[in-house]
Structure formats: structure tokens, C-alpha cells
């Protein structure tokens, strides 16, 4: 239920500010191109695996006739051309979704800015008396920039990553479902570490931002009322408060950096451990195929599964 509410709220944010038809077309194109950009890479992995099988078959044969060598070269050329075509398609889809999302995020930020100002100008004088100094400027600058950051190219990258992830597992289960099933253990490990790490990163980021905002507010008020500050000799006290707020921001920033480092280290450990597991099990299945046993697989299929799932 919480995820549904988050999704609904985020959708409302994307459509805020009464977007025009051109904006909606741009949003639709951005979503479509972002999803499409995640598909070519797993398909490229298939052709890489097939090329590896071709190379392996060619080196295992002691002598080849001219006809078979020519056919082998033509087969390799066809696969390389397909990889080139898929790479070109991925380039254009990535470029398109990044441009569309960047433009849409900028236009959304502009619409929200205009809407905020329009509603602000309708308020009575008493409303502004209750606002802290610099509140309006902060909302128009920092908050709108945060919204733009979360509704521009990062959304496209997220959609492309999800598309790539789903396509990678579909391809992997088609090529070698047993090895893919073993590597599916990556998902809970990654999710657990991502959720735990993200919780602490978000917590320390919020505290760091709060301390920084407090320091900025103290500096803004002091500079705005510099005559009063000088008259009452409050320089030292305000400087101490400002310094304490900055020290708090630094302290929380160090905690955030530590959380990011631990999360990244564990994620890489999981990835390389899965790599080792995949190569170990893959080599056993290739050996079974070489000895004529059932349940074996080819070098190319093993490479495809490992290649795309570790990336996914």
C-alpha cells in the first residue's frame, strides 16, 4: 500500500503544473525510449556468447577446408554486424531519453516555480511576517532544484536499469535456466544491502542538510541585520552558533560517507562472489557437456548468462 501511495504521489509530481500536450508527448517519448534503451545490451550478450562458441569451435578443429572457413567468417561477420546495429540502437535510445527527461525536468521545474510565485503573491501580508528569512528564496532555489534532480535524467536511467534487469533475466533463463536460477540469489542480497544502506544514507543526508540550512539561516539573518549585531556585540555568539551548525553538518557528512563506503564495498563483494560462483558452476556444466553427459551447456551460453546477470 505504501509503494502504491509513493507511486501515485510521484506520478502526480510528474504531471504537476498543468503540462501542455507537447510536455505529455515528451514525457511519453522519454519513458518509451528509456525502457527501449535497456533491451539492446542483453541481446548483445547473446551474440557475444554465440561468437565465443564460434571461436571455440574454430580453434578446436585442427584443419578446415576453404569452404568451411569462408562460412565461418561469414557467420562471424553477421553476428558482429548485429552487435553494431544493436549498439547504434542503444546509443540513439539513450541519447533520446536523456534529452527528453532533461528537458521535461527543466520545464516541470519552471512550471512549479511559476505556480509557487503565483500562489505566493495571493497571500496576505501576515503570511510573510511568519516566514523565516530566506524561506522564499530557499524554496524557489533549493527545493525546486531538488525536484528537478528527481524528475529529469535520473528517472530515465532508473527506467532503463529496470528494463535491462528484466530483459537480462529473461535472456539468462532462456539460455541456461539452472545457472540463472543460481545467480538469482544476487537479488535478495543486493536489495537487502541497498535498503539498509539507503536508510542510513538518507538519514544522514537529511541531518546534514538540516545543519547546513541552520548555518545558512544564521548567516543570512546576521548579514541582514549587521547593524543590530554590531550594536549588541553578538558577533562572537553568532559565530559560535554558525560554527557549531557547520560542525554538525560535517559530522553527519562523514557518517553518510562511511555508510556509502560500506554499502559500495558490500555490493561489490556480493557481485564478485557471485562471479566466482557462476564461473565455478559454469565450468562444471561445460565439462559435463564435453564429456557427453546430459545437463551440460556451451561456453557461449555460460558466458552470456554470467555477462548479462552480473551487469544486471
C-alpha atoms as a PDB file:
ATOM      1  CA  UNK A   1       0.000   0.000   0.000  1.00  0.00           C
ATOM      2  CA  UNK A   2       2.846   2.363   0.834  1.00  0.00           C
ATOM      3  CA  UNK A   3       4.522   1.688  -2.518  1.00  0.00           C
ATOM      4  CA  UNK A   4       1.232   2.407  -4.300  1.00  0.00           C
ATOM      5  CA  UNK A   5       0.936   5.742  -2.478  1.00  0.00           C
ATOM      6  CA  UNK A   6       4.532   6.625  -3.331  1.00  0.00           C
ATOM      7  CA  UNK A   7       3.970   5.766  -6.993  1.00  0.00           C
ATOM      8  CA  UNK A   8       0.735   7.774  -7.088  1.00  0.00           C
ATOM      9  CA  UNK A   9       2.401  10.744  -5.422  1.00  0.00           C
ATOM     10  CA  UNK A  10       5.350  10.639  -7.796  1.00  0.00           C
ATOM     11  CA  UNK A  11       3.030  10.430 -10.807  1.00  0.00           C
ATOM     12  CA  UNK A  12       1.168  13.487  -9.517  1.00  0.00           C
ATOM     13  CA  UNK A  13       4.503  15.293  -9.185  1.00  0.00           C
ATOM     14  CA  UNK A  14       5.453  14.489 -12.785  1.00  0.00           C
ATOM     15  CA  UNK A  15       2.122  15.841 -14.013  1.00  0.00           C
ATOM     16  CA  UNK A  16       2.100  18.904 -11.745  1.00  0.00           C
ATOM     17  CA  UNK A  17       1.745  22.419 -13.076  1.00  0.00           C
ATOM     18  CA  UNK A  18      -0.757  21.659 -15.870  1.00  0.00           C
ATOM     19  CA  UNK A  19       1.645  20.294 -18.517  1.00  0.00           C
ATOM     20  CA  UNK A  20       0.847  21.015 -22.160  1.00  0.00           C
ATOM     21  CA  UNK A  21       0.285  18.361 -24.839  1.00  0.00           C
ATOM     22  CA  UNK A  22       3.851  18.843 -26.023  1.00  0.00           C
ATOM     23  CA  UNK A  23       5.090  18.156 -22.478  1.00  0.00           C
ATOM     24  CA  UNK A  24       2.971  15.000 -22.265  1.00  0.00           C
ATOM     25  CA  UNK A  25       4.292  13.768 -25.625  1.00  0.00           C
ATOM     26  CA  UNK A  26       7.816  14.452 -24.402  1.00  0.00           C
ATOM     27  CA  UNK A  27       7.144  12.528 -21.181  1.00  0.00           C
ATOM     28  CA  UNK A  28       5.715   9.570 -23.116  1.00  0.00           C
ATOM     29  CA  UNK A  29       8.697   9.564 -25.501  1.00  0.00           C
ATOM     30  CA  UNK A  30      11.104   9.769 -22.558  1.00  0.00           C
ATOM     31  CA  UNK A  31       9.510   6.744 -20.842  1.00  0.00           C
ATOM     32  CA  UNK A  32       9.379   4.722 -24.066  1.00  0.00           C
ATOM     33  CA  UNK A  33      12.983   5.470 -25.052  1.00  0.00           C
ATOM     34  CA  UNK A  34      14.229   4.783 -21.516  1.00  0.00           C
ATOM     35  CA  UNK A  35      12.593   1.338 -21.478  1.00  0.00           C
ATOM     36  CA  UNK A  36      13.850   0.594 -25.005  1.00  0.00           C
ATOM     37  CA  UNK A  37      17.424   1.575 -24.082  1.00  0.00           C
ATOM     38  CA  UNK A  38      17.668  -1.264 -21.574  1.00  0.00           C
ATOM     39  CA  UNK A  39      16.878  -4.002 -24.093  1.00  0.00           C
ATOM     40  CA  UNK A  40      19.819  -3.988 -26.581  1.00  0.00           C
ATOM     41  CA  UNK A  41      22.608  -4.823 -24.112  1.00  0.00           C
ATOM     42  CA  UNK A  42      21.240  -8.263 -23.051  1.00  0.00           C
ATOM     43  CA  UNK A  43      20.707  -9.040 -26.737  1.00  0.00           C
ATOM     44  CA  UNK A  44      24.307  -8.058 -27.412  1.00  0.00           C
ATOM     45  CA  UNK A  45      25.272 -10.578 -24.722  1.00  0.00           C
ATOM     46  CA  UNK A  46      23.560 -13.321 -26.752  1.00  0.00           C
ATOM     47  CA  UNK A  47      25.635 -12.519 -29.839  1.00  0.00           C
ATOM     48  CA  UNK A  48      28.820 -12.297 -27.761  1.00  0.00           C
ATOM     49  CA  UNK A  49      28.094 -15.790 -26.467  1.00  0.00           C
ATOM     50  CA  UNK A  50      27.475 -17.095 -29.974  1.00  0.00           C
ATOM     51  CA  UNK A  51      30.730 -15.517 -31.152  1.00  0.00           C
ATOM     52  CA  UNK A  52      32.539 -17.217 -28.291  1.00  0.00           C
ATOM     53  CA  UNK A  53      31.067 -20.564 -29.362  1.00  0.00           C
ATOM     54  CA  UNK A  54      32.194 -19.905 -32.940  1.00  0.00           C
ATOM     55  CA  UNK A  55      35.724 -19.047 -31.833  1.00  0.00           C
ATOM     56  CA  UNK A  56      35.814 -22.085 -29.567  1.00  0.00           C
ATOM     57  CA  UNK A  57      34.585 -24.398 -32.338  1.00  0.00           C
ATOM     58  CA  UNK A  58      37.097 -22.970 -34.821  1.00  0.00           C
ATOM     59  CA  UNK A  59      40.086 -23.441 -32.512  1.00  0.00           C
ATOM     60  CA  UNK A  60      39.037 -26.981 -31.628  1.00  0.00           C
ATOM     61  CA  UNK A  61      39.094 -28.075 -35.275  1.00  0.00           C
ATOM     62  CA  UNK A  62      42.604 -28.950 -36.452  1.00  0.00           C
ATOM     63  CA  UNK A  63      42.047 -28.316 -40.154  1.00  0.00           C
ATOM     64  CA  UNK A  64      39.340 -26.621 -42.130  1.00  0.00           C
ATOM     65  CA  UNK A  65      38.593 -26.536 -45.801  1.00  0.00           C
ATOM     66  CA  UNK A  66      38.372 -23.227 -47.638  1.00  0.00           C
ATOM     67  CA  UNK A  67      34.585 -23.513 -47.864  1.00  0.00           C
ATOM     68  CA  UNK A  68      34.081 -24.094 -44.165  1.00  0.00           C
ATOM     69  CA  UNK A  69      36.488 -21.254 -43.290  1.00  0.00           C
ATOM     70  CA  UNK A  70      34.568 -18.894 -45.536  1.00  0.00           C
ATOM     71  CA  UNK A  71      31.250 -19.934 -43.995  1.00  0.00           C
ATOM     72  CA  UNK A  72      32.697 -19.484 -40.515  1.00  0.00           C
ATOM     73  CA  UNK A  73      33.912 -15.977 -41.387  1.00  0.00           C
ATOM     74  CA  UNK A  74      30.529 -15.012 -42.854  1.00  0.00           C
ATOM     75  CA  UNK A  75      28.769 -16.247 -39.726  1.00  0.00           C
ATOM     76  CA  UNK A  76      31.100 -14.201 -37.505  1.00  0.00           C
ATOM     77  CA  UNK A  77      30.634 -11.096 -39.678  1.00  0.00           C
ATOM     78  CA  UNK A  78      26.832 -11.393 -39.444  1.00  0.00           C
ATOM     79  CA  UNK A  79      26.964 -11.539 -35.665  1.00  0.00           C
ATOM     80  CA  UNK A  80      29.364  -8.590 -35.465  1.00  0.00           C
ATOM     81  CA  UNK A  81      27.046  -6.543 -37.689  1.00  0.00           C
ATOM     82  CA  UNK A  82      24.114  -7.369 -35.420  1.00  0.00           C
ATOM     83  CA  UNK A  83      26.135  -6.203 -32.396  1.00  0.00           C
ATOM     84  CA  UNK A  84      26.950  -2.949 -34.210  1.00  0.00           C
ATOM     85  CA  UNK A  85      23.278  -2.390 -35.108  1.00  0.00           C
ATOM     86  CA  UNK A  86      22.188  -3.031 -31.515  1.00  0.00           C
ATOM     87  CA  UNK A  87      24.901  -0.684 -30.212  1.00  0.00           C
ATOM     88  CA  UNK A  88      23.700   2.065 -32.572  1.00  0.00           C
ATOM     89  CA  UNK A  89      20.090   1.498 -31.462  1.00  0.00           C
ATOM     90  CA  UNK A  90      21.145   1.716 -27.818  1.00  0.00           C
ATOM     91  CA  UNK A  91      23.089   4.927 -28.470  1.00  0.00           C
ATOM     92  CA  UNK A  92      20.094   6.661 -30.031  1.00  0.00           C
ATOM     93  CA  UNK A  93      17.603   5.465 -27.413  1.00  0.00           C
ATOM     94  CA  UNK A  94      19.893   6.531 -24.538  1.00  0.00           C
ATOM     95  CA  UNK A  95      20.505   9.923 -26.163  1.00  0.00           C
ATOM     96  CA  UNK A  96      16.782  10.397 -26.802  1.00  0.00           C
ATOM     97  CA  UNK A  97      15.625   9.536 -23.284  1.00  0.00           C
ATOM     98  CA  UNK A  98      18.325  11.649 -21.614  1.00  0.00           C
ATOM     99  CA  UNK A  99      17.429  14.668 -23.729  1.00  0.00           C
ATOM    100  CA  UNK A 100      13.679  14.204 -23.219  1.00  0.00           C
ATOM    101  CA  UNK A 101      13.962  13.693 -19.457  1.00  0.00           C
ATOM    102  CA  UNK A 102      16.339  16.649 -19.038  1.00  0.00           C
ATOM    103  CA  UNK A 103      14.026  18.952 -20.970  1.00  0.00           C
ATOM    104  CA  UNK A 104      10.937  17.674 -19.174  1.00  0.00           C
ATOM    105  CA  UNK A 105      12.573  18.115 -15.754  1.00  0.00           C
ATOM    106  CA  UNK A 106      13.573  21.685 -16.621  1.00  0.00           C
ATOM    107  CA  UNK A 107      10.080  22.549 -17.888  1.00  0.00           C
ATOM    108  CA  UNK A 108       8.469  20.963 -14.816  1.00  0.00           C
ATOM    109  CA  UNK A 109      10.735  22.989 -12.513  1.00  0.00           C
ATOM    110  CA  UNK A 110       9.797  26.167 -14.379  1.00  0.00           C
ATOM    111  CA  UNK A 111       6.063  25.408 -14.106  1.00  0.00           C
ATOM    112  CA  UNK A 112       6.363  24.724 -10.371  1.00  0.00           C
ATOM    113  CA  UNK A 113       8.348  27.936  -9.878  1.00  0.00           C
ATOM    114  CA  UNK A 114       5.698  29.982 -11.647  1.00  0.00           C
ATOM    115  CA  UNK A 115       2.872  28.255  -9.768  1.00  0.00           C
ATOM    116  CA  UNK A 116       4.601  28.818  -6.416  1.00  0.00           C
ATOM    117  CA  UNK A 117       5.117  32.513  -7.135  1.00  0.00           C
ATOM    118  CA  UNK A 118       1.525  32.970  -8.301  1.00  0.00           C
ATOM    119  CA  UNK A 119       0.144  31.423  -5.120  1.00  0.00           C
ATOM    120  CA  UNK A 120       2.659  33.318  -3.000  1.00  0.00           C
ATOM    121  CA  UNK A 121       1.584  36.674  -4.406  1.00  0.00           C
ATOM    122  CA  UNK A 122      -2.025  35.925  -3.459  1.00  0.00           C
ATOM    123  CA  UNK A 123      -1.160  35.660   0.245  1.00  0.00           C
ATOM    124  CA  UNK A 124      -1.785  38.443   2.737  1.00  0.00           C
ATOM    125  CA  UNK A 125       0.948  40.483   4.472  1.00  0.00           C
ATOM    126  CA  UNK A 126       0.599  38.482   7.705  1.00  0.00           C
ATOM    127  CA  UNK A 127       1.655  35.334   5.870  1.00  0.00           C
ATOM    128  CA  UNK A 128       5.067  36.831   5.047  1.00  0.00           C
ATOM    129  CA  UNK A 129       5.562  38.018   8.626  1.00  0.00           C
ATOM    130  CA  UNK A 130       5.528  34.388   9.782  1.00  0.00           C
ATOM    131  CA  UNK A 131       8.038  33.201   7.163  1.00  0.00           C
ATOM    132  CA  UNK A 132      11.673  32.793   8.292  1.00  0.00           C
ATOM    133  CA  UNK A 133      14.252  34.949   6.478  1.00  0.00           C
ATOM    134  CA  UNK A 134      15.291  33.454   3.144  1.00  0.00           C
ATOM    135  CA  UNK A 135      12.419  30.937   3.121  1.00  0.00           C
ATOM    136  CA  UNK A 136      11.015  32.014  -0.255  1.00  0.00           C
ATOM    137  CA  UNK A 137      14.425  32.101  -1.933  1.00  0.00           C
ATOM    138  CA  UNK A 138      15.272  28.692  -0.487  1.00  0.00           C
ATOM    139  CA  UNK A 139      12.047  27.149  -1.760  1.00  0.00           C
ATOM    140  CA  UNK A 140      12.471  28.655  -5.217  1.00  0.00           C
ATOM    141  CA  UNK A 141      16.103  27.619  -5.455  1.00  0.00           C
ATOM    142  CA  UNK A 142      16.998  24.558  -3.395  1.00  0.00           C
ATOM    143  CA  UNK A 143      13.627  22.777  -3.248  1.00  0.00           C
ATOM    144  CA  UNK A 144      12.791  23.274  -6.928  1.00  0.00           C
ATOM    145  CA  UNK A 145      16.308  22.139  -7.855  1.00  0.00           C
ATOM    146  CA  UNK A 146      15.789  19.004  -5.767  1.00  0.00           C
ATOM    147  CA  UNK A 147      12.523  18.292  -7.584  1.00  0.00           C
ATOM    148  CA  UNK A 148      14.231  18.838 -10.929  1.00  0.00           C
ATOM    149  CA  UNK A 149      17.030  16.473  -9.934  1.00  0.00           C
ATOM    150  CA  UNK A 150      14.480  13.763  -9.134  1.00  0.00           C
ATOM    151  CA  UNK A 151      12.342  14.227 -12.248  1.00  0.00           C
ATOM    152  CA  UNK A 152      14.945  14.548 -15.008  1.00  0.00           C
ATOM    153  CA  UNK A 153      17.563  12.194 -16.448  1.00  0.00           C
ATOM    154  CA  UNK A 154      17.818  10.102 -13.271  1.00  0.00           C
ATOM    155  CA  UNK A 155      14.297   8.803 -13.904  1.00  0.00           C
ATOM    156  CA  UNK A 156      15.306   7.689 -17.383  1.00  0.00           C
ATOM    157  CA  UNK A 157      18.383   5.941 -16.021  1.00  0.00           C
ATOM    158  CA  UNK A 158      16.211   4.176 -13.426  1.00  0.00           C
ATOM    159  CA  UNK A 159      13.689   3.005 -16.043  1.00  0.00           C
ATOM    160  CA  UNK A 160      16.493   1.862 -18.357  1.00  0.00           C
ATOM    161  CA  UNK A 161      18.089  -0.072 -15.484  1.00  0.00           C
ATOM    162  CA  UNK A 162      14.818  -1.831 -14.633  1.00  0.00           C
ATOM    163  CA  UNK A 163      14.253  -2.654 -18.307  1.00  0.00           C
ATOM    164  CA  UNK A 164      17.795  -4.006 -18.596  1.00  0.00           C
ATOM    165  CA  UNK A 165      17.382  -6.029 -15.394  1.00  0.00           C
ATOM    166  CA  UNK A 166      14.147  -7.685 -16.554  1.00  0.00           C
ATOM    167  CA  UNK A 167      15.460  -8.362 -20.084  1.00  0.00           C
ATOM    168  CA  UNK A 168      18.720  -9.770 -18.691  1.00  0.00           C
ATOM    169  CA  UNK A 169      16.933 -12.339 -16.535  1.00  0.00           C
ATOM    170  CA  UNK A 170      14.585 -13.326 -19.355  1.00  0.00           C
ATOM    171  CA  UNK A 171      17.542 -13.926 -21.676  1.00  0.00           C
ATOM    172  CA  UNK A 172      19.509 -15.712 -18.945  1.00  0.00           C
ATOM    173  CA  UNK A 173      16.689 -18.151 -18.147  1.00  0.00           C
ATOM    174  CA  UNK A 174      16.244 -18.880 -21.852  1.00  0.00           C
ATOM    175  CA  UNK A 175      19.970 -19.584 -22.345  1.00  0.00           C
ATOM    176  CA  UNK A 176      20.640 -21.591 -19.149  1.00  0.00           C
ATOM    177  CA  UNK A 177      17.880 -21.642 -16.554  1.00  0.00           C
ATOM    178  CA  UNK A 178      19.859 -23.641 -13.959  1.00  0.00           C
ATOM    179  CA  UNK A 179      22.782 -21.213 -13.839  1.00  0.00           C
ATOM    180  CA  UNK A 180      20.396 -18.258 -13.937  1.00  0.00           C
ATOM    181  CA  UNK A 181      18.454 -19.735 -11.004  1.00  0.00           C
ATOM    182  CA  UNK A 182      21.692 -19.970  -9.002  1.00  0.00           C
ATOM    183  CA  UNK A 183      22.537 -16.332  -9.706  1.00  0.00           C
ATOM    184  CA  UNK A 184      19.059 -15.165  -8.728  1.00  0.00           C
ATOM    185  CA  UNK A 185      20.432 -15.180  -5.171  1.00  0.00           C
ATOM    186  CA  UNK A 186      22.033 -11.871  -6.150  1.00  0.00           C
ATOM    187  CA  UNK A 187      18.651 -10.148  -5.977  1.00  0.00           C
ATOM    188  CA  UNK A 188      17.851 -10.501  -2.238  1.00  0.00           C
ATOM    189  CA  UNK A 189      21.464  -9.764  -1.299  1.00  0.00           C
ATOM    190  CA  UNK A 190      21.521  -6.600  -3.377  1.00  0.00           C
ATOM    191  CA  UNK A 191      18.077  -5.480  -2.244  1.00  0.00           C
ATOM    192  CA  UNK A 192      18.857  -6.057   1.434  1.00  0.00           C
ATOM    193  CA  UNK A 193      22.092  -4.089   1.266  1.00  0.00           C
ATOM    194  CA  UNK A 194      20.510  -1.377  -0.870  1.00  0.00           C
ATOM    195  CA  UNK A 195      17.582  -0.861   1.502  1.00  0.00           C
ATOM    196  CA  UNK A 196      19.726  -0.946   4.648  1.00  0.00           C
ATOM    197  CA  UNK A 197      22.396   1.316   3.168  1.00  0.00           C
ATOM    198  CA  UNK A 198      19.876   3.715   1.642  1.00  0.00           C
ATOM    199  CA  UNK A 199      18.122   4.082   5.009  1.00  0.00           C
ATOM    200  CA  UNK A 200      21.277   5.326   6.715  1.00  0.00           C
ATOM    201  CA  UNK A 201      22.395   7.406   3.717  1.00  0.00           C
ATOM    202  CA  UNK A 202      19.016   9.131   3.593  1.00  0.00           C
ATOM    203  CA  UNK A 203      19.027   9.654   7.366  1.00  0.00           C
ATOM    204  CA  UNK A 204      22.483  11.254   7.463  1.00  0.00           C
ATOM    205  CA  UNK A 205      21.801  13.280   4.287  1.00  0.00           C
ATOM    206  CA  UNK A 206      18.700  14.782   5.906  1.00  0.00           C
ATOM    207  CA  UNK A 207      20.547  15.655   9.111  1.00  0.00           C
ATOM    208  CA  UNK A 208      23.429  17.132   7.117  1.00  0.00           C
ATOM    209  CA  UNK A 209      21.002  19.283   5.111  1.00  0.00           C
ATOM    210  CA  UNK A 210      19.251  20.425   8.310  1.00  0.00           C
ATOM    211  CA  UNK A 211      22.514  21.556   9.903  1.00  0.00           C
ATOM    212  CA  UNK A 212      23.580  23.302   6.691  1.00  0.00           C
ATOM    213  CA  UNK A 213      20.217  25.074   6.466  1.00  0.00           C
ATOM    214  CA  UNK A 214      20.555  26.208  10.093  1.00  0.00           C
ATOM    215  CA  UNK A 215      24.020  27.603   9.390  1.00  0.00           C
ATOM    216  CA  UNK A 216      22.779  29.374   6.259  1.00  0.00           C
ATOM    217  CA  UNK A 217      19.852  30.855   8.194  1.00  0.00           C
ATOM    218  CA  UNK A 218      22.167  32.186  10.924  1.00  0.00           C
ATOM    219  CA  UNK A 219      24.481  33.752   8.349  1.00  0.00           C
ATOM    220  CA  UNK A 220      21.573  35.248   6.407  1.00  0.00           C
ATOM    221  CA  UNK A 221      19.984  36.804   9.498  1.00  0.00           C
ATOM    222  CA  UNK A 222      23.314  38.143  10.737  1.00  0.00           C
ATOM    223  CA  UNK A 223      24.161  39.756   7.407  1.00  0.00           C
ATOM    224  CA  UNK A 224      20.649  41.159   7.021  1.00  0.00           C
ATOM    225  CA  UNK A 225      20.811  42.761  10.472  1.00  0.00           C
ATOM    226  CA  UNK A 226      24.510  43.525  10.648  1.00  0.00           C
ATOM    227  CA  UNK A 227      23.893  46.895  12.361  1.00  0.00           C
ATOM    228  CA  UNK A 228      21.944  45.286  15.210  1.00  0.00           C
ATOM    229  CA  UNK A 229      24.527  42.517  15.561  1.00  0.00           C
ATOM    230  CA  UNK A 230      27.342  45.068  15.779  1.00  0.00           C
ATOM    231  CA  UNK A 231      25.440  47.241  18.225  1.00  0.00           C
ATOM    232  CA  UNK A 232      24.822  44.400  20.696  1.00  0.00           C
ATOM    233  CA  UNK A 233      28.251  42.797  20.197  1.00  0.00           C
ATOM    234  CA  UNK A 234      26.704  39.475  19.165  1.00  0.00           C
ATOM    235  CA  UNK A 235      29.451  38.640  16.673  1.00  0.00           C
ATOM    236  CA  UNK A 236      31.149  36.005  18.795  1.00  0.00           C
ATOM    237  CA  UNK A 237      27.902  34.285  19.844  1.00  0.00           C
ATOM    238  CA  UNK A 238      26.574  34.130  16.280  1.00  0.00           C
ATOM    239  CA  UNK A 239      29.936  32.898  15.028  1.00  0.00           C
ATOM    240  CA  UNK A 240      29.890  30.130  17.638  1.00  0.00           C
ATOM    241  CA  UNK A 241      26.367  29.090  16.614  1.00  0.00           C
ATOM    242  CA  UNK A 242      27.329  29.188  12.940  1.00  0.00           C
ATOM    243  CA  UNK A 243      30.458  27.115  13.603  1.00  0.00           C
ATOM    244  CA  UNK A 244      28.512  24.574  15.682  1.00  0.00           C
ATOM    245  CA  UNK A 245      25.968  24.113  12.895  1.00  0.00           C
ATOM    246  CA  UNK A 246      28.728  23.591  10.322  1.00  0.00           C
ATOM    247  CA  UNK A 247      30.470  21.084  12.601  1.00  0.00           C
ATOM    248  CA  UNK A 248      27.187  19.182  12.905  1.00  0.00           C
ATOM    249  CA  UNK A 249      26.842  19.151   9.107  1.00  0.00           C
ATOM    250  CA  UNK A 250      30.422  17.900   8.778  1.00  0.00           C
ATOM    251  CA  UNK A 251      29.821  15.168  11.373  1.00  0.00           C
ATOM    252  CA  UNK A 252      26.717  13.898   9.597  1.00  0.00           C
ATOM    253  CA  UNK A 253      28.503  14.128   6.240  1.00  0.00           C
ATOM    254  CA  UNK A 254      31.275  11.864   7.498  1.00  0.00           C
ATOM    255  CA  UNK A 255      28.666   9.370   8.710  1.00  0.00           C
ATOM    256  CA  UNK A 256      26.994   9.490   5.309  1.00  0.00           C
ATOM    257  CA  UNK A 257      30.323   8.905   3.542  1.00  0.00           C
ATOM    258  CA  UNK A 258      31.015   5.928   5.810  1.00  0.00           C
ATOM    259  CA  UNK A 259      27.588   4.445   5.036  1.00  0.00           C
ATOM    260  CA  UNK A 260      28.147   4.925   1.288  1.00  0.00           C
ATOM    261  CA  UNK A 261      31.568   3.267   1.510  1.00  0.00           C
ATOM    262  CA  UNK A 262      30.268   0.258   3.456  1.00  0.00           C
ATOM    263  CA  UNK A 263      27.314  -0.154   1.098  1.00  0.00           C
ATOM    264  CA  UNK A 264      29.512   0.014  -2.012  1.00  0.00           C
ATOM    265  CA  UNK A 265      32.045  -2.419  -0.547  1.00  0.00           C
ATOM    266  CA  UNK A 266      29.404  -4.998   0.343  1.00  0.00           C
ATOM    267  CA  UNK A 267      27.712  -4.652  -3.047  1.00  0.00           C
ATOM    268  CA  UNK A 268      30.999  -5.268  -4.872  1.00  0.00           C
ATOM    269  CA  UNK A 269      31.763  -8.189  -2.570  1.00  0.00           C
ATOM    270  CA  UNK A 270      28.415  -9.758  -3.430  1.00  0.00           C
ATOM    271  CA  UNK A 271      28.976  -9.147  -7.156  1.00  0.00           C
ATOM    272  CA  UNK A 272      32.442 -10.715  -7.237  1.00  0.00           C
ATOM    273  CA  UNK A 273      31.347 -13.619  -5.042  1.00  0.00           C
ATOM    274  CA  UNK A 274      28.503 -14.284  -7.470  1.00  0.00           C
ATOM    275  CA  UNK A 275      31.032 -14.072 -10.289  1.00  0.00           C
ATOM    276  CA  UNK A 276      33.123 -16.773  -8.677  1.00  0.00           C
ATOM    277  CA  UNK A 277      30.066 -18.971  -8.069  1.00  0.00           C
ATOM    278  CA  UNK A 278      28.933 -18.527 -11.672  1.00  0.00           C
ATOM    279  CA  UNK A 279      32.306 -19.435 -13.203  1.00  0.00           C
ATOM    280  CA  UNK A 280      32.672 -22.436 -10.896  1.00  0.00           C
ATOM    281  CA  UNK A 281      29.247 -23.857 -11.695  1.00  0.00           C
ATOM    282  CA  UNK A 282      29.527 -22.874 -15.351  1.00  0.00           C
ATOM    283  CA  UNK A 283      32.838 -24.702 -15.741  1.00  0.00           C
ATOM    284  CA  UNK A 284      31.306 -27.843 -14.252  1.00  0.00           C
ATOM    285  CA  UNK A 285      28.398 -27.693 -16.715  1.00  0.00           C
ATOM    286  CA  UNK A 286      30.763 -27.113 -19.640  1.00  0.00           C
ATOM    287  CA  UNK A 287      32.820 -30.137 -18.502  1.00  0.00           C
ATOM    288  CA  UNK A 288      29.626 -32.228 -18.392  1.00  0.00           C
ATOM    289  CA  UNK A 289      28.816 -31.198 -21.968  1.00  0.00           C
ATOM    290  CA  UNK A 290      32.374 -32.018 -23.111  1.00  0.00           C
ATOM    291  CA  UNK A 291      32.165 -35.500 -21.575  1.00  0.00           C
ATOM    292  CA  UNK A 292      28.806 -36.145 -23.231  1.00  0.00           C
ATOM    293  CA  UNK A 293      26.718 -36.052 -20.059  1.00  0.00           C
ATOM    294  CA  UNK A 294      23.214 -34.616 -20.009  1.00  0.00           C
ATOM    295  CA  UNK A 295      22.558 -31.230 -18.482  1.00  0.00           C
ATOM    296  CA  UNK A 296      25.699 -29.639 -19.910  1.00  0.00           C
ATOM    297  CA  UNK A 297      25.950 -26.323 -21.662  1.00  0.00           C
ATOM    298  CA  UNK A 298      28.204 -24.421 -24.044  1.00  0.00           C
ATOM    299  CA  UNK A 299      30.899 -21.892 -23.274  1.00  0.00           C
ATOM    300  CA  UNK A 300      28.925 -19.172 -25.070  1.00  0.00           C
ATOM    301  CA  UNK A 301      25.716 -19.800 -23.125  1.00  0.00           C
ATOM    302  CA  UNK A 302      27.611 -19.720 -19.823  1.00  0.00           C
ATOM    303  CA  UNK A 303      29.380 -16.519 -20.808  1.00  0.00           C
ATOM    304  CA  UNK A 304      26.086 -14.892 -21.836  1.00  0.00           C
ATOM    305  CA  UNK A 305      24.398 -15.700 -18.529  1.00  0.00           C
ATOM    306  CA  UNK A 306      27.325 -14.503 -16.403  1.00  0.00           C
ATOM    307  CA  UNK A 307      27.952 -11.450 -18.567  1.00  0.00           C
ATOM    308  CA  UNK A 308      24.436 -10.047 -18.506  1.00  0.00           C
ATOM    309  CA  UNK A 309      23.391 -11.095 -14.981  1.00  0.00           C
ATOM    310  CA  UNK A 310      26.434  -9.634 -13.246  1.00  0.00           C
ATOM    311  CA  UNK A 311      25.882  -6.429 -15.218  1.00  0.00           C
ATOM    312  CA  UNK A 312      22.142  -6.573 -14.473  1.00  0.00           C
END
